[in-house]
C-alpha atoms as a PDB file:
ATOM      1  CA  MET A   1      -0.042   0.035  -0.010  1.00  0.00           C
ATOM      2  CA  LEU A   2       1.284   3.470  -0.932  1.00  0.00           C
ATOM      3  CA  ILE A   3       0.553   6.510   1.254  1.00  0.00           C
ATOM      4  CA  ARG A   4       1.093   9.810  -0.668  1.00  0.00           C
ATOM      5  CA  PRO A   5      -0.067  13.362  -0.888  1.00  0.00           C
ATOM      6  CA  TRP A   6      -3.232  14.146  -2.882  1.00  0.00           C
ATOM      7  CA  GLU A   7      -2.385  14.669  -6.604  1.00  0.00           C
ATOM      8  CA  GLY A   8      -4.319  15.998  -9.631  1.00  0.00           C
ATOM      9  CA  GLY A   9      -6.624  13.236 -10.898  1.00  0.00           C
ATOM     10  CA  ASP A  10      -7.200  11.702  -7.436  1.00  0.00           C
ATOM     11  CA  ASP A  11     -10.843  12.806  -7.676  1.00  0.00           C
ATOM     12  CA  ARG A  12     -11.228  10.178 -10.423  1.00  0.00           C
ATOM     13  CA  LEU A  13      -9.815   7.557  -7.976  1.00  0.00           C
ATOM     14  CA  VAL A  14     -12.347   8.633  -5.446  1.00  0.00           C
ATOM     15  CA  LEU A  15     -15.199   8.158  -7.991  1.00  0.00           C
ATOM     16  CA  ALA A  16     -13.809   4.731  -8.908  1.00  0.00           C
ATOM     17  CA  ALA A  17     -13.673   3.735  -5.248  1.00  0.00           C
ATOM     18  CA  GLN A  18     -17.243   4.863  -4.472  1.00  0.00           C
ATOM     19  CA  PRO A  19     -18.630   1.273  -4.806  1.00  0.00           C
ATOM     20  CA  GLU A  20     -16.221   0.289  -2.013  1.00  0.00           C
ATOM     21  CA  LEU A  21     -17.851   2.812   0.395  1.00  0.00           C
ATOM     22  CA  SER A  22     -20.868   1.517   2.231  1.00  0.00           C
ATOM     23  CA  GLU A  23     -23.714   3.775   3.207  1.00  0.00           C
ATOM     24  CA  ARG A  24     -22.489   3.207   6.864  1.00  0.00           C
ATOM     25  CA  SER A  25     -18.973   4.435   5.997  1.00  0.00           C
ATOM     26  CA  LEU A  26     -20.350   7.432   4.067  1.00  0.00           C
ATOM     27  CA  THR A  27     -22.614   8.377   6.981  1.00  0.00           C
ATOM     28  CA  ARG A  28     -19.669   8.152   9.409  1.00  0.00           C
ATOM     29  CA  ARG A  29     -17.576  10.449   7.217  1.00  0.00           C
ATOM     30  CA  PHE A  30     -20.220  12.969   6.249  1.00  0.00           C
ATOM     31  CA  LEU A  31     -22.236  12.688   9.526  1.00  0.00           C
ATOM     32  CA  VAL A  32     -25.493  12.423   7.659  1.00  0.00           C
ATOM     33  CA  GLY A  33     -27.101   9.979   5.295  1.00  0.00           C
ATOM     34  CA  THR A  34     -25.914  10.376   1.755  1.00  0.00           C
ATOM     35  CA  GLY A  35     -27.986   7.747   0.020  1.00  0.00           C
ATOM     36  CA  GLY A  36     -24.976   5.596  -0.391  1.00  0.00           C
ATOM     37  CA  ARG A  37     -23.215   8.083  -2.716  1.00  0.00           C
ATOM     38  CA  LEU A  38     -20.551  10.671  -2.206  1.00  0.00           C
ATOM     39  CA  PRO A  39     -22.272  14.112  -2.068  1.00  0.00           C
ATOM     40  CA  SER A  40     -22.083  15.978  -5.391  1.00  0.00           C
ATOM     41  CA  GLY A  41     -20.875  19.204  -3.628  1.00  0.00           C
ATOM     42  CA  TYR A  42     -18.022  17.292  -2.080  1.00  0.00           C
ATOM     43  CA  LEU A  43     -17.070  15.764  -5.395  1.00  0.00           C
ATOM     44  CA  ALA A  44     -16.943  19.217  -6.962  1.00  0.00           C
ATOM     45  CA  HIS A  45     -14.842  20.387  -4.009  1.00  0.00           C
ATOM     46  CA  ILE A  46     -12.193  17.651  -4.414  1.00  0.00           C
ATOM     47  CA  ALA A  47     -12.175  17.989  -8.189  1.00  0.00           C
ATOM     48  CA  LYS A  48     -10.435  21.346  -7.582  1.00  0.00           C
ATOM     49  CA  GLY A  49      -7.433  19.404  -6.130  1.00  0.00           C
ATOM     50  CA  ALA A  50      -5.225  20.111  -3.207  1.00  0.00           C
ATOM     51  CA  ARG A  51      -5.049  23.791  -2.267  1.00  0.00           C
ATOM     52  CA  PRO A  52      -2.603  24.177   0.613  1.00  0.00           C
ATOM     53  CA  PRO A  53      -2.905  25.769   2.988  1.00  0.00           C
ATOM     54  CA  ALA A  54      -6.769  25.860   2.687  1.00  0.00           C
ATOM     55  CA  TRP A  55      -7.243  22.123   1.908  1.00  0.00           C
ATOM     56  CA  ASP A  56      -4.975  19.129   1.477  1.00  0.00           C
ATOM     57  CA  ALA A  57      -5.150  15.330   1.763  1.00  0.00           C
ATOM     58  CA  GLN A  58      -3.172  12.151   1.865  1.00  0.00           C
ATOM     59  CA  VAL A  59      -4.289   9.092  -0.051  1.00  0.00           C
ATOM     60  CA  ALA A  60      -3.762   5.312   0.371  1.00  0.00           C
ATOM     61  CA  ILE A  61      -3.520   3.281  -2.808  1.00  0.00           C
ATOM     62  CA  ASP A  62      -3.213  -0.487  -3.132  1.00  0.00           C
ATOM     63  CA  ARG A  63      -2.457  -1.785  -6.634  1.00  0.00           C
ATOM     64  CA  GLY A  64      -3.959   1.268  -8.302  1.00  0.00           C
ATOM     65  CA  THR A  65      -7.050   1.230  -6.149  1.00  0.00           C
ATOM     66  CA  LEU A  66      -7.829   4.041  -3.752  1.00  0.00           C
ATOM     67  CA  CYS A  67      -8.317   2.540  -0.224  1.00  0.00           C
ATOM     68  CA  GLY A  68      -8.954   5.765   1.670  1.00  0.00           C
ATOM     69  CA  TRP A  69      -7.976   9.334   2.226  1.00  0.00           C
ATOM     70  CA  ALA A  70      -7.441  11.728   5.142  1.00  0.00           C
ATOM     71  CA  GLU A  71      -8.007  15.435   4.643  1.00  0.00           C
ATOM     72  CA  TYR A  72      -8.031  18.716   6.400  1.00  0.00           C
ATOM     73  CA  GLY A  73      -9.957  21.900   5.503  1.00  0.00           C
ATOM     74  CA  ARG A  74      -9.103  25.206   7.054  1.00  0.00           C
ATOM     75  CA  ILE A  75     -12.007  26.603   8.984  1.00  0.00           C
ATOM     76  CA  HIS A  76     -13.316  29.797   7.387  1.00  0.00           C
ATOM     77  CA  GLY A  77     -12.487  32.924   9.233  1.00  0.00           C
ATOM     78  CA  THR A  78      -9.471  31.401  10.982  1.00  0.00           C
ATOM     79  CA  THR A  79      -5.859  31.487  10.325  1.00  0.00           C
ATOM     80  CA  ASP A  80      -4.689  28.363  12.125  1.00  0.00           C
ATOM     81  CA  ALA A  81      -7.629  25.981  12.621  1.00  0.00           C
ATOM     82  CA  ALA A  82      -8.772  23.039  10.474  1.00  0.00           C
ATOM     83  CA  ASP A  83     -11.272  20.268  10.448  1.00  0.00           C
ATOM     84  CA  LEU A  84      -9.857  16.752  10.089  1.00  0.00           C
ATOM     85  CA  ALA A  85     -11.765  13.969   8.248  1.00  0.00           C
ATOM     86  CA  VAL A  86     -10.968  10.458   7.148  1.00  0.00           C
ATOM     87  CA  ILE A  87     -12.698   7.718   5.117  1.00  0.00           C
ATOM     88  CA  VAL A  88     -11.439   4.240   4.412  1.00  0.00           C
ATOM     89  CA  ALA A  89     -13.096   1.833   1.955  1.00  0.00           C
ATOM     90  CA  ASP A  90     -14.866  -0.910   3.772  1.00  0.00           C
ATOM     91  CA  ARG A  91     -12.597  -3.849   2.832  1.00  0.00           C
ATOM     92  CA  TRP A  92      -9.475  -1.918   4.204  1.00  0.00           C
ATOM     93  CA  GLN A  93     -11.099  -0.857   7.450  1.00  0.00           C
ATOM     94  CA  ARG A  94      -9.658  -2.008  10.768  1.00  0.00           C
ATOM     95  CA  ALA A  95      -6.258  -2.521   9.204  1.00  0.00           C
ATOM     96  CA  GLY A  96      -4.572   0.707  10.328  1.00  0.00           C
ATOM     97  CA  VAL A  97      -5.018   2.543   7.011  1.00  0.00           C
ATOM     98  CA  GLY A  98      -6.826   5.505   8.563  1.00  0.00           C
ATOM     99  CA  SER A  99      -4.258   5.970  11.284  1.00  0.00           C
ATOM    100  CA  ARG A 100      -1.444   5.811   8.706  1.00  0.00           C
ATOM    101  CA  LEU A 101      -3.217   8.405   6.563  1.00  0.00           C
ATOM    102  CA  VAL A 102      -3.586  10.749   9.501  1.00  0.00           C
ATOM    103  CA  ARG A 103       0.012  10.284  10.612  1.00  0.00           C
ATOM    104  CA  ALA A 104       1.181  11.250   7.180  1.00  0.00           C
ATOM    105  CA  LEU A 105      -1.171  14.296   7.207  1.00  0.00           C
ATOM    106  CA  VAL A 106      -0.145  15.769  10.576  1.00  0.00           C
ATOM    107  CA  GLN A 107       3.191  17.144   9.282  1.00  0.00           C
ATOM    108  CA  ARG A 108       1.473  18.635   6.231  1.00  0.00           C
ATOM    109  CA  MET A 109      -0.975  20.392   8.485  1.00  0.00           C
ATOM    110  CA  ALA A 110       1.800  21.851  10.582  1.00  0.00           C
ATOM    111  CA  ALA A 111       3.634  23.063   7.411  1.00  0.00           C
ATOM    112  CA  ALA A 112       0.473  24.721   6.300  1.00  0.00           C
ATOM    113  CA  GLY A 113       0.249  26.685   9.557  1.00  0.00           C
ATOM    114  CA  ILE A 114      -2.502  24.618  11.177  1.00  0.00           C
ATOM    115  CA  ARG A 115      -2.230  24.794  14.960  1.00  0.00           C
ATOM    116  CA  GLN A 116      -5.689  23.774  16.127  1.00  0.00           C
ATOM    117  CA  VAL A 117      -7.462  20.570  15.067  1.00  0.00           C
ATOM    118  CA  TYR A 118     -11.199  20.049  15.105  1.00  0.00           C
ATOM    119  CA  ALA A 119     -12.942  16.696  14.509  1.00  0.00           C
ATOM    120  CA  GLU A 120     -16.556  15.621  14.687  1.00  0.00           C
ATOM    121  CA  VAL A 121     -17.437  11.983  15.238  1.00  0.00           C
ATOM    122  CA  LEU A 122     -20.734  10.065  15.569  1.00  0.00           C
ATOM    123  CA  PRO A 123     -21.038   8.736  19.159  1.00  0.00           C
ATOM    124  CA  SER A 124     -21.525   5.179  17.816  1.00  0.00           C
ATOM    125  CA  ASN A 125     -18.171   5.283  16.019  1.00  0.00           C
ATOM    126  CA  ARG A 126     -16.141   4.098  19.021  1.00  0.00           C
ATOM    127  CA  ASP A 127     -12.978   3.131  17.141  1.00  0.00           C
ATOM    128  CA  VAL A 128     -12.513   6.531  15.576  1.00  0.00           C
ATOM    129  CA  ARG A 129     -13.313   8.227  18.875  1.00  0.00           C
ATOM    130  CA  ALA A 130     -10.602   6.185  20.534  1.00  0.00           C
ATOM    131  CA  PHE A 131      -8.146   7.147  17.784  1.00  0.00           C
ATOM    132  CA  VAL A 132      -9.017  10.900  18.008  1.00  0.00           C
ATOM    133  CA  ARG A 133      -8.488  10.776  21.767  1.00  0.00           C
ATOM    134  CA  ALA A 134      -5.085   9.156  21.218  1.00  0.00           C
ATOM    135  CA  LEU A 135      -4.322  11.731  18.553  1.00  0.00           C
ATOM    136  CA  ALA A 136      -5.199  14.513  20.947  1.00  0.00           C
ATOM    137  CA  GLY A 137      -2.580  13.343  23.369  1.00  0.00           C
ATOM    138  CA  ARG A 138      -3.372  14.863  26.632  1.00  0.00           C
ATOM    139  CA  GLY A 139      -6.250  16.780  25.109  1.00  0.00           C
ATOM    140  CA  PRO A 140     -10.040  16.645  25.791  1.00  0.00           C
ATOM    141  CA  GLN A 141     -12.173  13.631  25.732  1.00  0.00           C
ATOM    142  CA  GLY A 142     -14.543  15.252  23.382  1.00  0.00           C
ATOM    143  CA  GLU A 143     -17.851  17.098  24.040  1.00  0.00           C
ATOM    144  CA  TYR A 144     -21.257  15.829  23.046  1.00  0.00           C
ATOM    145  CA  ALA A 145     -23.382  18.372  21.254  1.00  0.00           C
ATOM    146  CA  ASP A 146     -26.005  18.248  18.594  1.00  0.00           C
ATOM    147  CA  GLY A 147     -25.781  14.469  18.218  1.00  0.00           C
ATOM    148  CA  LEU A 148     -21.993  14.462  17.643  1.00  0.00           C
ATOM    149  CA  VAL A 149     -18.841  14.111  19.723  1.00  0.00           C
ATOM    150  CA  ARG A 150     -16.661  17.187  19.027  1.00  0.00           C
ATOM    151  CA  TYR A 151     -12.959  17.297  19.579  1.00  0.00           C
ATOM    152  CA  HIS A 152     -10.640  20.288  19.599  1.00  0.00           C
ATOM    153  CA  PHE A 153      -6.988  20.113  20.347  1.00  0.00           C
ATOM    154  CA  PRO A 154      -3.658  21.834  19.615  1.00  0.00           C
ATOM    155  CA  LEU A 155      -1.710  20.064  16.799  1.00  0.00           C
ATOM    156  CA  VAL A 156       1.396  20.152  18.962  1.00  0.00           C
ATOM    157  CA  ASP A 157      -0.375  17.803  21.400  1.00  0.00           C
ATOM    158  CA  VAL A 158      -0.246  14.957  18.786  1.00  0.00           C
ATOM    159  CA  PRO A 159       2.159  12.386  20.380  1.00  0.00           C
ATOM    160  CA  ALA A 160       5.439  11.886  18.558  1.00  0.00           C
ATOM    161  CA  GLU A 161       4.599   8.271  17.820  1.00  0.00           C
ATOM    162  CA  LEU A 162       1.625   9.362  15.834  1.00  0.00           C
ATOM    163  CA  ARG A 163       3.555  11.684  13.624  1.00  0.00           C
ATOM    164  CA  ASP A 164       5.030  10.584  10.365  1.00  0.00           C
ATOM    165  CA  GLN A 165       8.482  11.959  10.083  1.00  0.00           C
ATOM    166  CA  ASN A 166       8.409  11.225   6.250  1.00  0.00           C
ATOM    167  CA  ALA A 167       5.262  13.337   5.725  1.00  0.00           C
ATOM    168  CA  GLY A 168       5.094  14.769   2.216  1.00  0.00           C
ATOM    169  CA  MET A 169       6.980  11.915   0.645  1.00  0.00           C
ATOM    170  CA  ALA A 170       5.280   8.852  -0.913  1.00  0.00           C
ATOM    171  CA  THR A 171       5.737   5.911   1.434  1.00  0.00           C
ATOM    172  CA  ALA A 172       4.941   2.284   0.946  1.00  0.00           C
ATOM    173  CA  VAL A 173       3.397   0.508   3.888  1.00  0.00           C
END
């Protein structure tokens, strides 16, 4: 499996991977039902490609197939805060792909000037909640509001073992 930064044309890989994303996975990523499809507005957004420092992503590819991606989007009206989101295709879930993607993204976030990380997770998504708590280091346990668990923590609190020192370079895992 190859972990690398988002490149032009990766939106086509996302479209090709759509059948590998169950309605459950899509709901967990977008926090609402999507009818089992990636939202059209989101597809238009990613078709514009990476736009650091406003938006960037890391992708996981196995034999030419997109397995998942982790992305950040700078929060409008802020200079140093971004939302973090991850989606992994069903057959590659629970294999460490999401955590490897996030580790690869952390250094890119820092290089883009991100200092504060926000993440929203469905309460039922226990595995991701546990990972975000680990990612937050000594940060908060999350606050429940409006049907979601919301996390906010400084990027510097991410423990060293969860940072990829080779961020920005394509790495095989």
